[in-house]
């Protein structure tokens, strides 16, 4: 009888379940919408911009934050936004 209860105890602990996460996003990232957001934000930002070395880094940071916030507002599943500005 003790062997039977030991067998039941090991059977209960070895039950495994399938993962509960989805592999496919319900709202995948739309490339065309993101490109349109980037183009719109850059056109608005560069409309009256004059280059000055002291403020250009702050300008790039503000523009990148605006792009990220607009893409995040679209509420896509599983997106990671990586923006890179090159200062020449």
PDB file of N, CA and C in Angstrom:
ATOM      1  N   UNK A   1       0.812  -1.189   0.000  1.00  0.00           N
ATOM      2  CA  UNK A   1       0.000   0.000   0.000  1.00  0.00           C
ATOM      3  C   UNK A   1       0.864   1.265   0.000  1.00  0.00           C
ATOM      4  N   UNK A   2       1.984   1.266   0.693  1.00  0.00           N
ATOM      5  CA  UNK A   2       2.876   2.425   0.744  1.00  0.00           C
ATOM      6  C   UNK A   2       3.483   2.693  -0.632  1.00  0.00           C
ATOM      7  N   UNK A   3       3.772   1.622  -1.379  1.00  0.00           N
ATOM      8  CA  UNK A   3       4.333   1.797  -2.725  1.00  0.00           C
ATOM      9  C   UNK A   3       3.318   2.455  -3.652  1.00  0.00           C
ATOM     10  N   UNK A   4       2.050   2.131  -3.475  1.00  0.00           N
ATOM     11  CA  UNK A   4       0.998   2.705  -4.300  1.00  0.00           C
ATOM     12  C   UNK A   4       0.847   4.207  -4.034  1.00  0.00           C
ATOM     13  N   UNK A   5       0.884   4.620  -2.768  1.00  0.00           N
ATOM     14  CA  UNK A   5       0.755   6.045  -2.449  1.00  0.00           C
ATOM     15  C   UNK A   5       1.978   6.820  -2.925  1.00  0.00           C
ATOM     16  N   UNK A   6       3.157   6.196  -2.881  1.00  0.00           N
ATOM     17  CA  UNK A   6       4.360   6.848  -3.393  1.00  0.00           C
ATOM     18  C   UNK A   6       4.258   7.053  -4.902  1.00  0.00           C
ATOM     19  N   UNK A   7       3.717   6.049  -5.596  1.00  0.00           N
ATOM     20  CA  UNK A   7       3.542   6.132  -7.038  1.00  0.00           C
ATOM     21  C   UNK A   7       2.541   7.243  -7.397  1.00  0.00           C
ATOM     22  N   UNK A   8       1.476   7.389  -6.621  1.00  0.00           N
ATOM     23  CA  UNK A   8       0.505   8.447  -6.862  1.00  0.00           C
ATOM     24  C   UNK A   8       1.116   9.824  -6.618  1.00  0.00           C
ATOM     25  N   UNK A   9       1.941   9.940  -5.612  1.00  0.00           N
ATOM     26  CA  UNK A   9       2.570  11.220  -5.300  1.00  0.00           C
ATOM     27  C   UNK A   9       3.514  11.654  -6.418  1.00  0.00           C
ATOM     28  N   UNK A  10       4.273  10.716  -6.971  1.00  0.00           N
ATOM     29  CA  UNK A  10       5.180  11.065  -8.068  1.00  0.00           C
ATOM     30  C   UNK A  10       4.406  11.353  -9.354  1.00  0.00           C
ATOM     31  N   UNK A  11       3.281  10.702  -9.557  1.00  0.00           N
ATOM     32  CA  UNK A  11       2.471  10.954 -10.746  1.00  0.00           C
ATOM     33  C   UNK A  11       1.872  12.355 -10.703  1.00  0.00           C
ATOM     34  N   UNK A  12       1.510  12.834  -9.535  1.00  0.00           N
ATOM     35  CA  UNK A  12       0.918  14.162  -9.414  1.00  0.00           C
ATOM     36  C   UNK A  12       1.955  15.262  -9.668  1.00  0.00           C
ATOM     37  N   UNK A  13       3.181  15.048  -9.274  1.00  0.00           N
ATOM     38  CA  UNK A  13       4.196  16.085  -9.441  1.00  0.00           C
ATOM     39  C   UNK A  13       4.782  16.108 -10.848  1.00  0.00           C
ATOM     40  N   UNK A  14       4.630  15.069 -11.625  1.00  0.00           N
ATOM     41  CA  UNK A  14       5.240  15.023 -12.946  1.00  0.00           C
ATOM     42  C   UNK A  14       4.294  15.462 -14.064  1.00  0.00           C
ATOM     43  N   UNK A  15       3.139  16.008 -13.744  1.00  0.00           N
ATOM     44  CA  UNK A  15       2.211  16.485 -14.756  1.00  0.00           C
ATOM     45  C   UNK A  15       2.745  17.785 -15.337  1.00  0.00           C
ATOM     46  N   UNK A  16       2.845  17.845 -16.662  1.00  0.00           N
ATOM     47  CA  UNK A  16       3.354  19.039 -17.327  1.00  0.00           C
ATOM     48  C   UNK A  16       2.266  19.593 -18.241  1.00  0.00           C
ATOM     49  N   UNK A  17       2.216  20.891 -18.317  1.00  0.00           N
ATOM     50  CA  UNK A  17       1.228  21.562 -19.134  1.00  0.00           C
ATOM     51  C   UNK A  17       1.921  22.287 -20.287  1.00  0.00           C
ATOM     52  N   UNK A  18       1.166  22.531 -21.326  1.00  0.00           N
ATOM     53  CA  UNK A  18       1.686  23.263 -22.478  1.00  0.00           C
ATOM     54  C   UNK A  18       1.833  24.750 -22.109  1.00  0.00           C
ATOM     55  N   UNK A  19       2.739  25.456 -22.763  1.00  0.00           N
ATOM     56  CA  UNK A  19       2.883  26.889 -22.494  1.00  0.00           C
ATOM     57  C   UNK A  19       1.593  27.648 -22.838  1.00  0.00           C
ATOM     58  N   UNK A  20       1.330  28.695 -22.122  1.00  0.00           N
ATOM     59  CA  UNK A  20       0.095  29.446 -22.328  1.00  0.00           C
ATOM     60  C   UNK A  20       0.295  30.679 -23.210  1.00  0.00           C
ATOM     61  N   UNK A  21       1.484  30.910 -23.734  1.00  0.00           N
ATOM     62  CA  UNK A  21       1.729  32.108 -24.538  1.00  0.00           C
ATOM     63  C   UNK A  21       1.439  31.848 -26.013  1.00  0.00           C
ATOM     64  N   UNK A  22       1.158  32.936 -26.741  1.00  0.00           N
ATOM     65  CA  UNK A  22       0.903  32.855 -28.175  1.00  0.00           C
ATOM     66  C   UNK A  22       2.204  33.082 -28.935  1.00  0.00           C
ATOM     67  N   UNK A  23       2.379  32.378 -30.020  1.00  0.00           N
ATOM     68  CA  UNK A  23       3.560  32.588 -30.854  1.00  0.00           C
ATOM     69  C   UNK A  23       3.317  33.658 -31.909  1.00  0.00           C
ATOM     70  N   UNK A  24       2.088  33.799 -32.360  1.00  0.00           N
ATOM     71  CA  UNK A  24       1.745  34.793 -33.367  1.00  0.00           C
ATOM     72  C   UNK A  24       1.052  35.965 -32.696  1.00  0.00           C
ATOM     73  N   UNK A  25       1.429  37.173 -33.082  1.00  0.00           N
ATOM     74  CA  UNK A  25       0.827  38.371 -32.506  1.00  0.00           C
ATOM     75  C   UNK A  25      -0.579  38.573 -33.070  1.00  0.00           C
ATOM     76  N   UNK A  26      -1.481  39.046 -32.220  1.00  0.00           N
ATOM     77  CA  UNK A  26      -2.838  39.334 -32.682  1.00  0.00           C
ATOM     78  C   UNK A  26      -2.858  40.641 -33.484  1.00  0.00           C
ATOM     79  N   UNK A  27      -2.036  41.608 -33.100  1.00  0.00           N
ATOM     80  CA  UNK A  27      -1.899  42.873 -33.824  1.00  0.00           C
ATOM     81  C   UNK A  27      -0.431  43.049 -34.183  1.00  0.00           C
ATOM     82  N   UNK A  28       0.025  42.448 -35.282  1.00  0.00           N
ATOM     83  CA  UNK A  28       1.449  42.564 -35.645  1.00  0.00           C
ATOM     84  C   UNK A  28       1.806  43.980 -36.091  1.00  0.00           C
ATOM     85  N   UNK A  29       3.064  44.280 -36.002  1.00  0.00           N
ATOM     86  CA  UNK A  29       3.578  45.592 -36.368  1.00  0.00           C
ATOM     87  C   UNK A  29       3.382  45.819 -37.866  1.00  0.00           C
ATOM     88  N   UNK A  30       2.814  46.958 -38.225  1.00  0.00           N
ATOM     89  CA  UNK A  30       2.562  47.290 -39.622  1.00  0.00           C
ATOM     90  C   UNK A  30       3.676  48.215 -40.107  1.00  0.00           C
ATOM     91  N   UNK A  31       4.470  47.733 -41.043  1.00  0.00           N
ATOM     92  CA  UNK A  31       5.643  48.467 -41.519  1.00  0.00           C
ATOM     93  C   UNK A  31       5.264  49.776 -42.198  1.00  0.00           C
ATOM     94  N   UNK A  32       4.215  49.775 -43.002  1.00  0.00           N
ATOM     95  CA  UNK A  32       3.823  50.974 -43.734  1.00  0.00           C
ATOM     96  C   UNK A  32       3.352  52.076 -42.784  1.00  0.00           C
ATOM     97  N   UNK A  33       2.614  51.705 -41.758  1.00  0.00           N
ATOM     98  CA  UNK A  33       2.132  52.694 -40.785  1.00  0.00           C
ATOM     99  C   UNK A  33       3.315  53.303 -40.035  1.00  0.00           C
ATOM    100  N   UNK A  34       4.279  52.460 -39.648  1.00  0.00           N
ATOM    101  CA  UNK A  34       5.461  52.961 -38.929  1.00  0.00           C
ATOM    102  C   UNK A  34       6.300  53.884 -39.808  1.00  0.00           C
ATOM    103  N   UNK A  35       6.459  53.536 -41.068  1.00  0.00           N
ATOM    104  CA  UNK A  35       7.207  54.404 -41.979  1.00  0.00           C
ATOM    105  C   UNK A  35       6.499  55.738 -42.160  1.00  0.00           C
ATOM    106  N   UNK A  36       5.170  55.716 -42.209  1.00  0.00           N
ATOM    107  CA  UNK A  36       4.395  56.946 -42.341  1.00  0.00           C
ATOM    108  C   UNK A  36       4.556  57.810 -41.088  1.00  0.00           C
ATOM    109  N   UNK A  37       4.562  57.201 -39.915  1.00  0.00           N
ATOM    110  CA  UNK A  37       4.766  57.937 -38.669  1.00  0.00           C
ATOM    111  C   UNK A  37       6.144  58.582 -38.660  1.00  0.00           C
ATOM    112  N   UNK A  38       7.158  57.837 -39.038  1.00  0.00           N
ATOM    113  CA  UNK A  38       8.527  58.367 -39.052  1.00  0.00           C
ATOM    114  C   UNK A  38       8.637  59.532 -40.031  1.00  0.00           C
ATOM    115  N   UNK A  39       8.078  59.356 -41.215  1.00  0.00           N
ATOM    116  CA  UNK A  39       8.142  60.412 -42.234  1.00  0.00           C
ATOM    117  C   UNK A  39       7.417  61.672 -41.747  1.00  0.00           C
ATOM    118  N   UNK A  40       6.245  61.512 -41.158  1.00  0.00           N
ATOM    119  CA  UNK A  40       5.462  62.656 -40.680  1.00  0.00           C
ATOM    120  C   UNK A  40       6.185  63.400 -39.568  1.00  0.00           C
ATOM    121  N   UNK A  41       6.710  62.663 -38.589  1.00  0.00           N
ATOM    122  CA  UNK A  41       7.397  63.295 -37.462  1.00  0.00           C
ATOM    123  C   UNK A  41       8.653  64.007 -37.939  1.00  0.00           C
ATOM    124  N   UNK A  42       9.402  63.400 -38.829  1.00  0.00           N
ATOM    125  CA  UNK A  42      10.629  64.024 -39.324  1.00  0.00           C
ATOM    126  C   UNK A  42      10.320  65.282 -40.142  1.00  0.00           C
ATOM    127  N   UNK A  43       9.279  65.242 -40.964  1.00  0.00           N
ATOM    128  CA  UNK A  43       8.919  66.434 -41.732  1.00  0.00           C
ATOM    129  C   UNK A  43       8.483  67.570 -40.818  1.00  0.00           C
ATOM    130  N   UNK A  44       7.696  67.249 -39.791  1.00  0.00           N
ATOM    131  CA  UNK A  44       7.261  68.275 -38.844  1.00  0.00           C
ATOM    132  C   UNK A  44       8.440  68.849 -38.065  1.00  0.00           C
ATOM    133  N   UNK A  45       9.364  67.982 -37.666  1.00  0.00           N
ATOM    134  CA  UNK A  45      10.495  68.416 -36.844  1.00  0.00           C
ATOM    135  C   UNK A  45      11.504  69.227 -37.655  1.00  0.00           C
ATOM    136  N   UNK A  46      11.718  68.850 -38.894  1.00  0.00           N
ATOM    137  CA  UNK A  46      12.743  69.520 -39.711  1.00  0.00           C
ATOM    138  C   UNK A  46      12.218  70.727 -40.469  1.00  0.00           C
ATOM    139  N   UNK A  47      10.957  71.055 -40.274  1.00  0.00           N
ATOM    140  CA  UNK A  47      10.365  72.163 -41.011  1.00  0.00           C
ATOM    141  C   UNK A  47      11.087  73.482 -40.744  1.00  0.00           C
ATOM    142  N   UNK A  48      11.344  73.802 -39.495  1.00  0.00           N
ATOM    143  CA  UNK A  48      12.010  75.063 -39.143  1.00  0.00           C
ATOM    144  C   UNK A  48      13.283  74.816 -38.344  1.00  0.00           C
ATOM    145  N   UNK A  49      13.971  73.730 -38.634  1.00  0.00           N
ATOM    146  CA  UNK A  49      15.158  73.377 -37.863  1.00  0.00           C
ATOM    147  C   UNK A  49      16.404  73.973 -38.494  1.00  0.00           C
ATOM    148  N   UNK A  50      17.214  74.619 -37.680  1.00  0.00           N
ATOM    149  CA  UNK A  50      18.533  75.090 -38.090  1.00  0.00           C
ATOM    150  C   UNK A  50      19.565  74.343 -37.256  1.00  0.00           C
ATOM    151  N   UNK A  51      20.554  73.792 -37.927  1.00  0.00           N
ATOM    152  CA  UNK A  51      21.557  72.982 -37.235  1.00  0.00           C
ATOM    153  C   UNK A  51      22.455  73.842 -36.360  1.00  0.00           C
ATOM    154  N   UNK A  52      22.538  73.436 -35.107  1.00  0.00           N
ATOM    155  CA  UNK A  52      23.523  74.000 -34.174  1.00  0.00           C
ATOM    156  C   UNK A  52      24.088  72.832 -33.391  1.00  0.00           C
ATOM    157  N   UNK A  53      25.399  72.753 -33.260  1.00  0.00           N
ATOM    158  CA  UNK A  53      26.014  71.604 -32.595  1.00  0.00           C
ATOM    159  C   UNK A  53      25.557  71.394 -31.153  1.00  0.00           C
ATOM    160  N   UNK A  54      25.257  72.475 -30.458  1.00  0.00           N
ATOM    161  CA  UNK A  54      24.880  72.347 -29.049  1.00  0.00           C
ATOM    162  C   UNK A  54      23.503  71.738 -28.864  1.00  0.00           C
ATOM    163  N   UNK A  55      22.587  72.022 -29.749  1.00  0.00           N
ATOM    164  CA  UNK A  55      21.208  71.565 -29.561  1.00  0.00           C
ATOM    165  C   UNK A  55      20.835  70.354 -30.416  1.00  0.00           C
ATOM    166  N   UNK A  56      21.714  69.922 -31.280  1.00  0.00           N
ATOM    167  CA  UNK A  56      21.346  68.834 -32.191  1.00  0.00           C
ATOM    168  C   UNK A  56      21.115  67.509 -31.462  1.00  0.00           C
ATOM    169  N   UNK A  57      21.893  67.227 -30.428  1.00  0.00           N
ATOM    170  CA  UNK A  57      21.687  65.979 -29.692  1.00  0.00           C
ATOM    171  C   UNK A  57      20.354  65.984 -28.955  1.00  0.00           C
ATOM    172  N   UNK A  58      19.999  67.110 -28.376  1.00  0.00           N
ATOM    173  CA  UNK A  58      18.703  67.225 -27.705  1.00  0.00           C
ATOM    174  C   UNK A  58      17.563  67.112 -28.710  1.00  0.00           C
ATOM    175  N   UNK A  59      17.761  67.691 -29.874  1.00  0.00           N
ATOM    176  CA  UNK A  59      16.765  67.604 -30.932  1.00  0.00           C
ATOM    177  C   UNK A  59      16.532  66.157 -31.354  1.00  0.00           C
ATOM    178  N   UNK A  60      17.613  65.403 -31.537  1.00  0.00           N
ATOM    179  CA  UNK A  60      17.502  63.992 -31.925  1.00  0.00           C
ATOM    180  C   UNK A  60      16.777  63.189 -30.849  1.00  0.00           C
ATOM    181  N   UNK A  61      17.066  63.472 -29.592  1.00  0.00           N
ATOM    182  CA  UNK A  61      16.406  62.766 -28.496  1.00  0.00           C
ATOM    183  C   UNK A  61      14.908  63.064 -28.471  1.00  0.00           C
ATOM    184  N   UNK A  62      14.548  64.321 -28.681  1.00  0.00           N
ATOM    185  CA  UNK A  62      13.127  64.680 -28.690  1.00  0.00           C
ATOM    186  C   UNK A  62      12.386  64.036 -29.856  1.00  0.00           C
ATOM    187  N   UNK A  63      13.009  64.037 -31.026  1.00  0.00           N
ATOM    188  CA  UNK A  63      12.375  63.443 -32.200  1.00  0.00           C
ATOM    189  C   UNK A  63      12.216  61.928 -32.018  1.00  0.00           C
ATOM    190  N   UNK A  64      13.233  61.274 -31.495  1.00  0.00           N
ATOM    191  CA  UNK A  64      13.147  59.823 -31.308  1.00  0.00           C
ATOM    192  C   UNK A  64      12.081  59.466 -30.278  1.00  0.00           C
ATOM    193  N   UNK A  65      11.952  60.250 -29.217  1.00  0.00           N
ATOM    194  CA  UNK A  65      10.903  60.003 -28.223  1.00  0.00           C
ATOM    195  C   UNK A  65       9.518  60.194 -28.821  1.00  0.00           C
ATOM    196  N   UNK A  66       9.371  61.184 -29.678  1.00  0.00           N
ATOM    197  CA  UNK A  66       8.082  61.422 -30.333  1.00  0.00           C
ATOM    198  C   UNK A  66       7.712  60.252 -31.246  1.00  0.00           C
ATOM    199  N   UNK A  67       8.678  59.746 -32.006  1.00  0.00           N
ATOM    200  CA  UNK A  67       8.422  58.600 -32.889  1.00  0.00           C
ATOM    201  C   UNK A  67       8.049  57.377 -32.068  1.00  0.00           C
ATOM    202  N   UNK A  68       8.807  57.110 -31.002  1.00  0.00           N
ATOM    203  CA  UNK A  68       8.511  55.935 -30.165  1.00  0.00           C
ATOM    204  C   UNK A  68       7.139  56.047 -29.517  1.00  0.00           C
ATOM    205  N   UNK A  69       6.779  57.224 -29.054  1.00  0.00           N
ATOM    206  CA  UNK A  69       5.479  57.369 -28.395  1.00  0.00           C
ATOM    207  C   UNK A  69       4.324  57.204 -29.384  1.00  0.00           C
ATOM    208  N   UNK A  70       4.493  57.690 -30.607  1.00  0.00           N
ATOM    209  CA  UNK A  70       3.426  57.525 -31.608  1.00  0.00           C
ATOM    210  C   UNK A  70       3.275  56.070 -32.032  1.00  0.00           C
ATOM    211  N   UNK A  71       4.379  55.351 -32.159  1.00  0.00           N
ATOM    212  CA  UNK A  71       4.293  53.931 -32.510  1.00  0.00           C
ATOM    213  C   UNK A  71       3.695  53.140 -31.350  1.00  0.00           C
ATOM    214  N   UNK A  72       4.086  53.486 -30.135  1.00  0.00           N
ATOM    215  CA  UNK A  72       3.548  52.802 -28.957  1.00  0.00           C
ATOM    216  C   UNK A  72       2.053  53.067 -28.797  1.00  0.00           C
ATOM    217  N   UNK A  73       1.580  54.238 -29.211  1.00  0.00           N
ATOM    218  CA  UNK A  73       0.159  54.582 -29.119  1.00  0.00           C
ATOM    219  C   UNK A  73      -0.694  53.715 -30.042  1.00  0.00           C
ATOM    220  N   UNK A  74      -0.090  53.145 -31.066  1.00  0.00           N
ATOM    221  CA  UNK A  74      -0.823  52.253 -31.971  1.00  0.00           C
ATOM    222  C   UNK A  74      -1.149  50.917 -31.317  1.00  0.00           C
ATOM    223  N   UNK A  75      -0.510  50.600 -30.199  1.00  0.00           N
ATOM    224  CA  UNK A  75      -0.797  49.417 -29.385  1.00  0.00           C
ATOM    225  C   UNK A  75      -0.608  48.104 -30.160  1.00  0.00           C
ATOM    226  N   UNK A  76       0.556  47.975 -30.789  1.00  0.00           N
ATOM    227  CA  UNK A  76       0.887  46.726 -31.461  1.00  0.00           C
ATOM    228  C   UNK A  76       1.371  45.709 -30.441  1.00  0.00           C
ATOM    229  N   UNK A  77       1.174  44.425 -30.755  1.00  0.00           N
ATOM    230  CA  UNK A  77       1.695  43.358 -29.905  1.00  0.00           C
ATOM    231  C   UNK A  77       3.174  43.163 -30.209  1.00  0.00           C
ATOM    232  N   UNK A  78       3.946  42.979 -29.195  1.00  0.00           N
ATOM    233  CA  UNK A  78       5.352  42.579 -29.308  1.00  0.00           C
ATOM    234  C   UNK A  78       6.164  43.453 -30.240  1.00  0.00           C
ATOM    235  N   UNK A  79       6.240  44.715 -29.952  1.00  0.00           N
ATOM    236  CA  UNK A  79       7.104  45.559 -30.764  1.00  0.00           C
ATOM    237  C   UNK A  79       8.282  46.024 -29.932  1.00  0.00           C
ATOM    238  N   UNK A  80       9.363  46.206 -30.595  1.00  0.00           N
ATOM    239  CA  UNK A  80      10.562  46.758 -29.966  1.00  0.00           C
ATOM    240  C   UNK A  80      11.069  47.827 -30.915  1.00  0.00           C
ATOM    241  N   UNK A  81      11.058  49.050 -30.452  1.00  0.00           N
ATOM    242  CA  UNK A  81      11.456  50.160 -31.298  1.00  0.00           C
ATOM    243  C   UNK A  81      12.903  50.506 -31.035  1.00  0.00           C
ATOM    244  N   UNK A  82      13.689  50.488 -32.085  1.00  0.00           N
ATOM    245  CA  UNK A  82      15.103  50.811 -31.989  1.00  0.00           C
ATOM    246  C   UNK A  82      15.389  51.918 -32.978  1.00  0.00           C
ATOM    247  N   UNK A  83      15.587  53.130 -32.482  1.00  0.00           N
ATOM    248  CA  UNK A  83      15.849  54.275 -33.355  1.00  0.00           C
ATOM    249  C   UNK A  83      17.306  54.661 -33.243  1.00  0.00           C
ATOM    250  N   UNK A  84      17.898  54.979 -34.388  1.00  0.00           N
ATOM    251  CA  UNK A  84      19.300  55.376 -34.405  1.00  0.00           C
ATOM    252  C   UNK A  84      19.443  56.628 -35.248  1.00  0.00           C
ATOM    253  N   UNK A  85      20.018  57.679 -34.649  1.00  0.00           N
ATOM    254  CA  UNK A  85      20.301  58.915 -35.357  1.00  0.00           C
ATOM    255  C   UNK A  85      21.802  59.042 -35.507  1.00  0.00           C
ATOM    256  N   UNK A  86      22.232  59.402 -36.684  1.00  0.00           N
ATOM    257  CA  UNK A  86      23.644  59.636 -36.928  1.00  0.00           C
ATOM    258  C   UNK A  86      23.886  61.122 -37.084  1.00  0.00           C
ATOM    259  N   UNK A  87      24.808  61.625 -36.327  1.00  0.00           N
ATOM    260  CA  UNK A  87      25.166  63.036 -36.408  1.00  0.00           C
ATOM    261  C   UNK A  87      26.438  63.160 -37.256  1.00  0.00           C
ATOM    262  N   UNK A  88      26.306  63.821 -38.374  1.00  0.00           N
ATOM    263  CA  UNK A  88      27.445  63.963 -39.291  1.00  0.00           C
ATOM    264  C   UNK A  88      28.022  65.353 -39.223  1.00  0.00           C
TER     265      UNK A  88
END
